[in-house]
């Protein structure tokens, strides 16, 4: 069994580098050396002007608010191999604009320095707030390929991030990598424009924006790769497409949700170019509750838009798969999918059913117990949208298989931060009212599971005992909870849990759930 390690708290750590510099909005002074945390500078602007201009330089930004009132001057222009890092993470470290302009520029311009920006150029660990765009990434000369990670971006009047390349597409490209970036309450989540643009997104969230989650406008080639990301509940399309003058857009998404958007999840507008084609592939995705699911409208009779849907859920949209065209061609390939309105059902393993979401009206498109989407596929090494291991025994029949859609159903869920004095919840799913026992151990999940008549026991047998006798829930889970005592000696201790639930689907009438664990934090 792939052990499910639930991450309930995140400790922010930053490795030491040879060239480290420090900024502290609270206790720093620009008269200091900046060489240590106790001799930190006061502003990022001063650090940018006083760190060496070449080689890997890391500016460690301590908790605080960095804005014009402090003395910051925007935009902050990044150099190659420069890393600006909020060591304490976005909750405690904010960079705020004054409502206009951009906060960061990462550029390679023929009329400028013409830098090549490598992946070792990083912005990480901040909340970015209140500007036109948080980050502008643009090339018309050399490749711009920075890394943006662990960011919360909000209240931008144009876009959370703007990624572009153009004017001289033969000479440069924008290929930024985004990891764990959340964009919310912006005019749009991401704006992708120009030519030779290939961003990659993993574990990102572009939700609850005032327009599209992502707008793509191109007269060239744009390639988007996205894994384990959400584009939900935006007041526009999920991904809005517009290509002109031989432009084309290709997207590959896996384990993603594009749901609850006012517009289409994947919406290709009327193309006005001479030869345009869009290509999209969705694998293990959930596309639900949008005005349209996936669509293409291609005005060019010689071009073929393509769509591939594999092991995905497309349900509850105004039109789940819109195959209408205006003189063009559209060739969907759909296999192993739940399609709510019946398109493509009865072939290639496609079917029609209610997926039984936990709470679609409330924006929760996870699967509840008894969903027809559970355990339909063989064992998979992929992670689901929440970062959980696939191939959990979701239907409690003692066989571990993968679900379709973005989320793997977990019969046992753990919710909480695991900090001293805070509440921890265990949520038990299973046949409604079925007897269930929650077991626990004062040790981590065992390295090797124990085979039993009821499936795999993943807790160490020698230290496992009963924590609580209860029942399971099918429509809503049974919830058990406890406050972690405010006892310092608990910090660093790990506890693991697993439930045993009565199940008629199991050969011997009972089945073990997935295991969960947490480590107590201060």
Protein backbone atom coordinates (compact mmCIF):
# COMPACT_ATOMS: atom_id res chain seq x y z
CA UNK A 1 0.00 0.00 0.00
CA UNK A 2 1.16 3.51 -0.68
CA UNK A 3 1.19 5.02 2.78
CA UNK A 4 -0.78 8.22 3.10
CA UNK A 5 1.27 10.76 4.99
CA UNK A 6 -1.01 13.68 5.80
CA UNK A 7 0.84 16.97 6.03
CA UNK A 8 -0.90 19.02 8.68
CA UNK A 9 1.72 21.71 9.32
CA UNK A 10 4.55 23.25 7.32
CA UNK A 11 7.85 24.35 8.80
CA UNK A 12 9.56 26.98 6.65
CA UNK A 13 13.26 26.35 6.32
CA UNK A 14 15.84 27.83 3.97
CA UNK A 15 19.23 26.23 3.27
CA UNK A 16 22.36 28.28 3.85
CA UNK A 17 24.27 29.55 0.84
CA UNK A 18 27.73 31.07 0.44
CA UNK A 19 26.31 34.50 -0.39
CA UNK A 20 23.48 35.16 2.03
CA UNK A 21 22.04 38.57 2.77
CA UNK A 22 19.32 39.60 5.19
CA UNK A 23 16.48 42.13 5.23
CA UNK A 24 14.30 42.89 8.25
CA UNK A 25 11.44 45.41 8.03
CA UNK A 26 11.03 45.46 11.80
CA UNK A 27 14.56 45.59 13.22
CA UNK A 28 16.79 46.20 10.20
CA UNK A 29 18.69 49.33 9.13
CA UNK A 30 20.13 50.19 5.73
CA UNK A 31 23.24 51.37 7.60
CA UNK A 32 23.95 47.73 8.58
CA UNK A 33 26.10 45.27 6.62
CA UNK A 34 23.21 42.97 5.70
CA UNK A 35 25.51 39.98 6.21
CA UNK A 36 23.63 38.42 9.16
CA UNK A 37 20.09 38.37 10.50
CA UNK A 38 21.14 40.61 13.40
CA UNK A 39 22.79 43.09 11.00
CA UNK A 40 19.98 43.02 8.45
CA UNK A 41 19.13 45.79 6.03
CA UNK A 42 15.70 47.39 6.25
CA UNK A 43 14.45 47.18 2.64
CA UNK A 44 14.61 44.78 -0.28
CA UNK A 45 15.31 47.77 -2.53
CA UNK A 46 18.52 48.54 -0.62
CA UNK A 47 19.53 44.88 -0.71
CA UNK A 48 19.08 44.75 -4.48
CA UNK A 49 21.41 47.73 -4.88
CA UNK A 50 24.10 46.44 -2.52
CA UNK A 51 24.43 42.70 -3.14
CA UNK A 52 27.10 41.55 -5.62
CA UNK A 53 25.83 41.79 -9.22
CA UNK A 54 26.80 38.24 -10.24
CA UNK A 55 26.82 34.73 -8.87
CA UNK A 56 24.15 33.12 -6.73
CA UNK A 57 22.95 35.67 -4.18
CA UNK A 58 20.21 34.88 -1.68
CA UNK A 59 18.31 37.71 -0.01
CA UNK A 60 16.58 36.33 3.10
CA UNK A 61 13.55 38.48 3.90
CA UNK A 62 12.43 38.30 7.53
CA UNK A 63 8.77 38.63 8.58
CA UNK A 64 7.14 42.01 8.09
CA UNK A 65 5.41 44.24 5.53
CA UNK A 66 7.56 45.63 2.73
CA UNK A 67 5.93 48.59 1.01
CA UNK A 68 6.55 52.16 -0.16
CA UNK A 69 6.05 53.52 3.35
CA UNK A 70 9.04 51.42 4.42
CA UNK A 71 11.10 52.75 1.51
CA UNK A 72 10.57 50.06 -1.13
CA UNK A 73 10.72 51.16 -4.76
CA UNK A 74 8.80 49.09 -7.30
CA UNK A 75 9.19 47.27 -9.57
CA UNK A 76 11.94 45.13 -8.12
CA UNK A 77 13.98 43.96 -11.11
CA UNK A 78 15.47 40.50 -10.65
CA UNK A 79 18.95 39.57 -11.89
CA UNK A 80 20.08 36.09 -13.02
CA UNK A 81 20.68 33.67 -10.12
CA UNK A 82 19.23 36.09 -7.58
CA UNK A 83 16.92 34.50 -5.02
CA UNK A 84 14.55 36.58 -2.91
CA UNK A 85 13.17 34.36 -0.17
CA UNK A 86 10.65 34.98 2.60
CA UNK A 87 12.09 32.55 5.14
CA UNK A 88 8.98 32.51 7.35
CA UNK A 89 6.57 31.98 4.45
CA UNK A 90 3.69 34.00 2.98
CA UNK A 91 1.62 34.15 6.16
CA UNK A 92 4.19 36.37 7.89
CA UNK A 93 5.95 38.12 5.01
CA UNK A 94 4.12 40.57 2.71
CA UNK A 95 5.24 42.74 -0.20
CA UNK A 96 2.56 45.34 -0.91
CA UNK A 97 2.27 47.84 -3.74
CA UNK A 98 0.32 51.08 -3.85
CA UNK A 99 -2.43 49.86 -6.20
CA UNK A 100 -0.64 50.36 -9.52
CA UNK A 101 2.55 49.24 -11.25
CA UNK A 102 4.21 45.84 -10.85
CA UNK A 103 5.97 44.38 -7.84
CA UNK A 104 8.58 42.23 -9.63
CA UNK A 105 10.05 42.20 -13.14
CA UNK A 106 11.88 39.21 -14.63
CA UNK A 107 12.88 40.32 -18.12
CA UNK A 108 15.30 39.74 -20.97
CA UNK A 109 15.01 42.69 -23.31
CA UNK A 110 16.90 43.46 -26.50
CA UNK A 111 16.85 47.12 -25.52
CA UNK A 112 17.97 46.30 -21.96
CA UNK A 113 20.52 44.08 -20.24
CA UNK A 114 19.56 41.05 -22.36
CA UNK A 115 19.98 38.68 -19.45
CA UNK A 116 19.18 35.00 -19.65
CA UNK A 117 17.15 34.28 -16.51
CA UNK A 118 17.76 30.65 -15.41
CA UNK A 119 15.63 28.46 -13.14
CA UNK A 120 17.99 29.26 -10.25
CA UNK A 121 16.45 32.74 -10.18
CA UNK A 122 13.73 32.50 -7.54
CA UNK A 123 11.00 34.41 -5.74
CA UNK A 124 9.67 32.36 -2.86
CA UNK A 125 7.73 32.59 0.38
CA UNK A 126 5.68 35.82 0.16
CA UNK A 127 2.22 37.26 0.07
CA UNK A 128 2.18 39.75 -2.83
CA UNK A 129 -0.61 42.30 -2.67
CA UNK A 130 -2.16 45.42 -4.19
CA UNK A 131 -0.55 46.29 -7.54
CA UNK A 132 -1.31 45.96 -11.26
CA UNK A 133 0.59 42.68 -11.63
CA UNK A 134 2.49 40.90 -8.91
CA UNK A 135 5.08 39.46 -11.29
CA UNK A 136 5.81 40.37 -14.93
CA UNK A 137 7.84 37.76 -16.84
CA UNK A 138 8.80 38.92 -20.33
CA UNK A 139 11.36 38.12 -23.00
CA UNK A 140 12.14 39.43 -26.45
CA UNK A 141 15.76 38.33 -26.39
CA UNK A 142 17.06 35.45 -24.21
CA UNK A 143 15.18 32.73 -22.33
CA UNK A 144 13.46 33.72 -19.10
CA UNK A 145 12.89 30.63 -16.93
CA UNK A 146 12.57 31.67 -13.26
CA UNK A 147 11.15 29.63 -10.39
CA UNK A 148 8.21 31.08 -8.43
CA UNK A 149 7.21 29.10 -5.36
CA UNK A 150 5.20 29.28 -2.13
CA UNK A 151 3.45 32.55 -3.00
CA UNK A 152 0.04 34.00 -2.19
CA UNK A 153 -0.96 36.69 -4.69
CA UNK A 154 -4.05 38.81 -4.16
CA UNK A 155 -5.76 42.08 -5.09
CA UNK A 156 -4.02 42.71 -8.45
CA UNK A 157 -5.88 45.02 -10.84
CA UNK A 158 -4.51 43.34 -14.01
CA UNK A 159 -3.31 39.81 -13.25
CA UNK A 160 -1.63 37.86 -10.53
CA UNK A 161 1.19 36.99 -12.93
CA UNK A 162 1.77 38.11 -16.51
CA UNK A 163 3.93 35.81 -18.64
CA UNK A 164 4.85 36.99 -22.14
CA UNK A 165 7.35 36.74 -24.96
CA UNK A 166 7.18 38.54 -28.24
CA UNK A 167 8.57 40.82 -30.91
CA UNK A 168 11.56 38.53 -31.53
CA UNK A 169 10.21 35.03 -30.86
CA UNK A 170 13.17 33.35 -32.55
CA UNK A 171 15.48 34.78 -29.91
CA UNK A 172 13.78 34.20 -26.61
CA UNK A 173 11.06 32.49 -24.67
CA UNK A 174 9.31 32.66 -21.32
CA UNK A 175 9.30 29.30 -19.54
CA UNK A 176 8.60 30.03 -15.90
CA UNK A 177 8.04 27.28 -13.34
CA UNK A 178 5.35 27.83 -10.68
CA UNK A 179 5.02 25.65 -7.58
CA UNK A 180 2.50 26.13 -4.77
CA UNK A 181 1.37 29.54 -5.99
CA UNK A 182 -2.10 30.72 -4.96
CA UNK A 183 -3.76 33.60 -6.82
CA UNK A 184 -7.06 34.99 -5.57
CA UNK A 185 -9.15 38.18 -5.70
CA UNK A 186 -7.32 39.48 -8.78
CA UNK A 187 -8.78 40.80 -12.03
CA UNK A 188 -7.56 37.49 -13.49
CA UNK A 189 -5.34 34.79 -12.14
CA UNK A 190 -2.68 34.48 -14.82
CA UNK A 191 -2.28 36.30 -18.13
CA UNK A 192 -0.29 34.43 -20.79
CA UNK A 193 0.43 36.41 -23.96
CA UNK A 194 2.72 36.56 -26.96
CA UNK A 195 4.81 33.86 -28.58
CA UNK A 196 7.11 31.07 -27.41
CA UNK A 197 5.62 30.90 -23.92
CA UNK A 198 5.66 27.62 -21.97
CA UNK A 199 4.81 27.97 -18.27
CA UNK A 200 4.63 24.97 -15.96
CA UNK A 201 2.35 24.91 -12.91
CA UNK A 202 2.30 22.36 -10.09
CA UNK A 203 0.22 22.41 -6.91
CA UNK A 204 -1.13 25.87 -7.76
CA UNK A 205 -4.52 27.47 -7.09
CA UNK A 206 -6.01 30.17 -9.33
CA UNK A 207 -9.42 30.48 -7.72
CA UNK A 208 -11.98 33.12 -6.67
CA UNK A 209 -10.69 35.77 -9.06
CA UNK A 210 -12.81 38.55 -10.54
CA UNK A 211 -12.31 37.33 -14.12
CA UNK A 212 -10.80 34.22 -15.74
CA UNK A 213 -8.55 31.96 -13.76
CA UNK A 214 -6.18 32.13 -16.73
CA UNK A 215 -6.33 34.15 -19.97
CA UNK A 216 -4.23 33.02 -22.93
CA UNK A 217 -3.84 35.46 -25.83
CA UNK A 218 -1.34 34.48 -28.50
CA UNK A 219 -0.29 34.98 -32.08
CA UNK A 220 2.37 32.30 -31.75
CA UNK A 221 2.86 29.13 -29.76
CA UNK A 222 1.81 28.75 -26.14
CA UNK A 223 2.25 25.48 -24.29
CA UNK A 224 0.84 25.06 -20.78
CA UNK A 225 1.64 22.19 -18.45
CA UNK A 226 -0.33 21.90 -15.22
CA UNK A 227 -0.33 19.24 -12.49
CA UNK A 228 -2.38 19.02 -9.28
CA UNK A 229 -3.80 22.52 -9.59
CA UNK A 230 -7.16 24.22 -9.06
CA UNK A 231 -8.86 26.78 -11.29
CA UNK A 232 -12.16 27.05 -9.46
CA UNK A 233 -14.89 29.58 -8.69
CA UNK A 234 -13.64 32.36 -10.94
CA UNK A 235 -16.04 35.04 -12.23
CA UNK A 236 -15.01 34.24 -15.80
CA UNK A 237 -13.75 31.23 -17.70
CA UNK A 238 -11.43 28.74 -16.09
CA UNK A 239 -8.95 28.97 -18.98
CA UNK A 240 -9.99 31.52 -21.63
CA UNK A 241 -8.35 31.19 -25.04
CA UNK A 242 -7.85 33.72 -27.82
CA UNK A 243 -5.40 33.08 -30.65
CA UNK A 244 -4.81 35.17 -33.77
CA UNK A 245 -2.48 35.24 -36.77
CA UNK A 246 -1.30 31.64 -36.84
CA UNK A 247 -1.42 31.34 -33.05
CA UNK A 248 -2.00 28.03 -31.33
CA UNK A 249 -2.46 26.91 -27.75
CA UNK A 250 -1.63 23.49 -26.31
CA UNK A 251 -2.34 22.44 -22.74
CA UNK A 252 -1.66 19.25 -20.79
CA UNK A 253 -3.39 18.97 -17.41
CA UNK A 254 -3.35 16.10 -14.94
CA UNK A 255 -5.02 15.71 -11.53
CA UNK A 256 -6.55 19.19 -11.80
CA UNK A 257 -9.94 20.73 -11.00
CA UNK A 258 -11.50 23.37 -13.25
CA UNK A 259 -14.86 23.79 -11.59
CA UNK A 260 -17.49 26.31 -10.58
CA UNK A 261 -16.36 28.99 -13.04
CA UNK A 262 -18.86 31.44 -14.53
CA UNK A 263 -17.47 30.79 -18.02
CA UNK A 264 -16.19 27.67 -19.73
CA UNK A 265 -13.63 25.46 -18.02
CA UNK A 266 -11.59 25.33 -21.26
CA UNK A 267 -13.05 27.90 -23.62
CA UNK A 268 -11.73 28.60 -27.08
CA UNK A 269 -13.29 31.78 -28.39
CA UNK A 270 -13.81 32.65 -32.06
CA UNK A 271 -10.37 32.51 -33.62
CA UNK A 272 -9.67 35.40 -35.96
CA UNK A 273 -6.33 34.21 -37.32
CA UNK A 274 -5.54 32.51 -40.60
CA UNK A 275 -4.54 29.12 -39.27
CA UNK A 276 -5.23 28.30 -35.64
CA UNK A 277 -5.54 25.05 -33.71
CA UNK A 278 -5.86 24.37 -29.99
CA UNK A 279 -4.93 21.10 -28.32
CA UNK A 280 -5.90 20.07 -24.82
CA UNK A 281 -5.36 16.89 -22.82
CA UNK A 282 -7.02 16.28 -19.44
CA UNK A 283 -6.02 13.22 -17.39
CA UNK A 284 -7.66 12.44 -14.03
CA UNK A 285 -9.29 15.87 -13.92
CA UNK A 286 -12.59 17.12 -12.51
CA UNK A 287 -14.46 19.62 -14.70
CA UNK A 288 -17.75 20.46 -13.00
CA UNK A 289 -20.25 23.24 -12.46
CA UNK A 290 -19.00 25.59 -15.20
CA UNK A 291 -21.26 27.35 -17.72
CA UNK A 292 -19.61 25.07 -20.31
CA UNK A 293 -17.25 22.20 -19.67
CA UNK A 294 -14.74 22.04 -22.52
CA UNK A 295 -15.38 23.70 -25.85
CA UNK A 296 -13.76 24.83 -29.06
CA UNK A 297 -15.02 27.14 -31.75
CA UNK A 298 -12.64 27.16 -34.69
CA UNK A 299 -13.38 29.34 -37.67
CA UNK A 300 -10.69 27.77 -39.81
CA UNK A 301 -11.90 24.84 -41.86
CA UNK A 302 -8.39 23.52 -42.45
CA UNK A 303 -7.40 23.28 -38.82
CA UNK A 304 -8.17 20.55 -36.31
CA UNK A 305 -8.68 21.40 -32.68
CA UNK A 306 -8.11 18.32 -30.54
CA UNK A 307 -9.36 17.33 -27.12
CA UNK A 308 -8.36 14.30 -25.05
CA UNK A 309 -10.14 13.34 -21.84
CA UNK A 310 -8.86 10.35 -19.86
CA UNK A 311 -10.18 9.04 -16.51
CA UNK A 312 -11.85 12.38 -15.83
CA UNK A 313 -15.18 13.62 -14.46
CA UNK A 314 -17.09 16.14 -16.60
CA UNK A 315 -20.37 16.82 -14.86
CA UNK A 316 -22.95 19.50 -14.14
CA UNK A 317 -21.76 21.98 -16.74
CA UNK A 318 -24.15 23.86 -19.02
CA UNK A 319 -22.78 21.67 -21.80
CA UNK A 320 -20.23 19.13 -20.67
CA UNK A 321 -18.42 18.77 -24.00
CA UNK A 322 -19.26 21.41 -26.62
CA UNK A 323 -18.30 20.02 -30.00
CA UNK A 324 -19.88 22.81 -32.03
CA UNK A 325 -17.62 24.49 -34.56
CA UNK A 326 -18.01 27.24 -37.10
CA UNK A 327 -16.60 25.75 -40.26
CA UNK A 328 -13.68 24.09 -38.49
CA UNK A 329 -12.89 20.64 -37.15
CA UNK A 330 -12.94 19.29 -33.63
CA UNK A 331 -11.88 15.76 -32.74
CA UNK A 332 -12.46 14.73 -29.10
CA UNK A 333 -11.01 11.50 -27.76
CA UNK A 334 -12.74 10.45 -24.54
CA UNK A 335 -11.98 7.30 -22.54
CA UNK A 336 -12.74 6.05 -19.05
CA UNK A 337 -14.69 9.19 -18.15
CA UNK A 338 -17.92 10.08 -16.37
CA UNK A 339 -19.69 12.50 -18.71
CA UNK A 340 -22.82 13.85 -17.05
CA UNK A 341 -24.88 14.72 -20.12
CA UNK A 342 -24.23 11.41 -21.84
CA UNK A 343 -21.82 12.54 -24.55
CA UNK A 344 -19.55 9.67 -25.66
CA UNK A 345 -21.11 7.27 -23.13
CA UNK A 346 -21.19 3.55 -23.81
CA UNK A 347 -17.84 3.49 -25.60
CA UNK A 348 -14.23 3.40 -24.42
CA UNK A 349 -15.33 2.89 -20.82
CA UNK A 350 -17.30 6.15 -20.61
CA UNK A 351 -20.46 6.22 -18.53
CA UNK A 352 -23.24 8.46 -17.16
CA UNK A 353 -23.84 8.77 -13.41
CA UNK A 354 -24.00 11.20 -10.53
CA UNK A 355 -20.40 11.38 -9.23
CA UNK A 356 -21.63 12.09 -5.67
CA UNK A 357 -19.48 15.08 -4.83
CA UNK A 358 -19.11 15.96 -1.16
CA UNK A 359 -20.65 19.41 -1.61
CA UNK A 360 -20.63 20.80 -5.14
CA UNK A 361 -22.84 23.75 -4.13
CA UNK A 362 -20.22 24.71 -1.57
CA UNK A 363 -17.29 24.27 -3.95
CA UNK A 364 -16.17 20.85 -2.67
CA UNK A 365 -15.77 18.47 -5.64
CA UNK A 366 -14.17 15.63 -3.71
CA UNK A 367 -15.93 12.27 -3.84
CA UNK A 368 -18.02 10.94 -0.99
CA UNK A 369 -18.32 7.30 -0.04
CA UNK A 370 -20.29 5.26 -2.59
CA UNK A 371 -19.30 7.40 -5.59
CA UNK A 372 -19.28 5.42 -8.86
CA UNK A 373 -15.90 7.02 -9.61
CA UNK A 374 -14.09 5.23 -6.78
CA UNK A 375 -11.63 2.37 -7.40
CA UNK A 376 -12.16 2.16 -11.16
CA UNK A 377 -8.53 2.05 -12.24
CA UNK A 378 -5.46 -0.06 -11.46
CA UNK A 379 -2.79 0.98 -8.98
CA UNK A 380 -1.30 4.36 -9.91
CA UNK A 381 1.86 6.14 -8.80
CA UNK A 382 0.24 9.57 -9.31
CA UNK A 383 -0.75 11.89 -6.49
CA UNK A 384 -4.21 13.43 -6.42
CA UNK A 385 -5.01 17.15 -6.32
CA UNK A 386 -4.63 17.23 -2.52
CA UNK A 387 -1.24 15.51 -2.69
CA UNK A 388 -2.60 12.18 -1.44
CA UNK A 389 -1.35 8.88 -2.77
CA UNK A 390 -3.59 7.29 -5.37
CA UNK A 391 -4.71 3.66 -5.11
CA UNK A 392 -6.45 3.91 -1.75
CA UNK A 393 -9.12 1.30 -0.92
CA UNK A 394 -11.90 3.85 -1.28
CA UNK A 395 -14.83 1.41 -1.40
CA UNK A 396 -13.59 -0.68 1.57
CA UNK A 397 -13.43 -4.02 -0.25
CA UNK A 398 -9.75 -4.58 0.76
CA UNK A 399 -8.48 -3.93 -2.80
CA UNK A 400 -6.48 -0.78 -3.42
CA UNK A 401 -7.23 0.88 -6.74
CA UNK A 402 -7.21 4.41 -8.14
CA UNK A 403 -10.23 6.69 -8.60
CA UNK A 404 -11.06 8.78 -11.64
CA UNK A 405 -11.23 12.56 -11.39
CA UNK A 406 -8.94 14.95 -9.54
CA UNK A 407 -9.48 13.62 -6.01
CA UNK A 408 -8.83 10.23 -4.45
CA UNK A 409 -11.51 9.30 -1.91
CA UNK A 410 -10.07 8.66 1.56
CA UNK A 411 -12.22 6.65 4.00
CA UNK A 412 -10.21 8.24 6.83
CA UNK A 413 -9.38 11.96 6.68
CA UNK A 414 -7.30 14.02 9.09
CA UNK A 415 -7.92 17.76 9.45
CA UNK A 416 -5.90 20.18 11.57
CA UNK A 417 -2.55 21.88 12.00
CA UNK A 418 -1.32 19.54 14.77
CA UNK A 419 -0.10 22.52 16.78
CA UNK A 420 -0.25 22.55 20.55
CA UNK A 421 -3.65 23.66 21.83
CA UNK A 422 -5.42 23.25 18.47
CA UNK A 423 -8.22 20.95 17.38
CA UNK A 424 -7.61 17.79 15.36
CA UNK A 425 -10.46 16.05 13.52
CA UNK A 426 -10.78 12.53 12.17
CA UNK A 427 -13.47 12.03 9.52
CA UNK A 428 -14.64 8.45 8.96
CA UNK A 429 -16.40 7.44 5.73
CA UNK A 430 -18.06 4.11 5.02
CA UNK A 431 -21.46 2.45 4.73
CA UNK A 432 -23.97 4.64 6.56
CA UNK A 433 -24.05 3.74 10.25
CA UNK A 434 -21.59 0.86 9.87
CA UNK A 435 -19.68 0.02 13.07
CA UNK A 436 -16.14 1.37 12.96
CA UNK A 437 -13.12 1.25 15.24
CA UNK A 438 -10.43 3.95 15.12
CA UNK A 439 -7.03 2.54 16.06
CA UNK A 440 -3.97 4.57 17.00
CA UNK A 441 -0.28 4.25 17.66
CA UNK A 442 2.29 6.53 19.31
CA UNK A 443 4.58 5.75 16.39
CA UNK A 444 4.71 6.66 12.72
CA UNK A 445 3.04 4.54 10.04
CA UNK A 446 4.87 1.23 9.73
CA UNK A 447 7.45 0.85 7.01
CA UNK A 448 5.94 -2.46 5.94
CA UNK A 449 2.21 -3.18 6.29
CA UNK A 450 0.85 -6.28 7.98
CA UNK A 451 -1.43 -8.49 5.88
CA UNK A 452 -4.71 -9.33 7.67
CA UNK A 453 -8.07 -10.89 6.65
CA UNK A 454 -9.37 -7.31 6.47
CA UNK A 455 -6.69 -5.83 4.22
CA UNK A 456 -3.46 -4.15 5.22
CA UNK A 457 -2.81 -2.87 8.73
CA UNK A 458 -0.41 0.03 8.32
CA UNK A 459 0.15 0.82 12.00
CA UNK A 460 2.89 -0.94 13.96
CA UNK A 461 1.03 -3.95 15.50
CA UNK A 462 3.03 -3.94 18.73
CA UNK A 463 2.03 -0.35 19.61
CA UNK A 464 -1.50 -0.23 18.19
CA UNK A 465 -4.57 0.02 20.38
CA UNK A 466 -8.19 1.18 20.16
CA UNK A 467 -8.69 4.94 20.25
CA UNK A 468 -12.45 5.14 19.75
CA UNK A 469 -15.41 2.90 18.82
CA UNK A 470 -17.87 4.71 16.57
CA UNK A 471 -19.76 4.42 13.25
CA UNK A 472 -19.03 5.54 9.68
CA UNK A 473 -20.98 7.94 7.48
CA UNK A 474 -21.74 7.81 3.76
CA UNK A 475 -23.43 11.13 2.90
CA UNK A 476 -21.42 13.00 5.53
CA UNK A 477 -18.58 11.45 7.49
CA UNK A 478 -18.60 10.74 11.19
CA UNK A 479 -16.40 13.34 12.86
CA UNK A 480 -14.26 12.69 15.92
CA UNK A 481 -12.16 15.47 17.38
CA UNK A 482 -9.77 16.30 20.15
CA UNK A 483 -7.75 19.31 21.25
CA UNK A 484 -4.03 18.61 21.45
CA UNK A 485 -2.95 19.42 25.01
CA UNK A 486 -0.69 22.46 25.40
CA UNK A 487 2.10 20.25 26.72
CA UNK A 488 5.58 21.04 25.44
CA UNK A 489 6.77 17.44 25.80
CA UNK A 490 4.40 16.46 22.95
CA UNK A 491 6.26 18.59 20.36
CA UNK A 492 7.93 16.36 17.80
CA UNK A 493 5.96 13.25 18.71
CA UNK A 494 4.23 11.41 15.85
CA UNK A 495 0.88 9.64 16.12
CA UNK A 496 -0.71 7.42 13.48
CA UNK A 497 -4.31 6.26 13.00
CA UNK A 498 -6.32 3.76 10.93
CA UNK A 499 -9.96 2.72 11.03
CA UNK A 500 -11.54 -0.73 10.67
CA UNK A 501 -15.04 -0.48 9.21
CA UNK A 502 -17.78 -3.08 8.72
CA UNK A 503 -18.27 -3.38 4.97
CA UNK A 504 -20.41 -5.80 2.98
CA UNK A 505 -18.01 -5.28 0.05
CA UNK A 506 -15.12 -6.83 1.97
CA UNK A 507 -14.63 -10.61 1.72
CA UNK A 508 -14.62 -11.01 5.51
CA UNK A 509 -17.12 -8.27 6.34
CA UNK A 510 -14.60 -5.64 7.48
CA UNK A 511 -11.90 -3.51 5.84
CA UNK A 512 -9.07 -1.30 7.01
CA UNK A 513 -9.06 2.27 5.77
CA UNK A 514 -6.04 4.24 4.66
CA UNK A 515 -3.71 5.31 7.50
CA UNK A 516 -3.05 8.93 8.52
CA UNK A 517 -0.53 10.50 10.86
CA UNK A 518 0.60 13.82 12.29
CA UNK A 519 3.59 15.19 14.15
CA UNK A 520 2.86 17.66 16.94
CA UNK A 521 4.09 21.18 16.24
CA UNK A 522 4.81 24.01 18.72
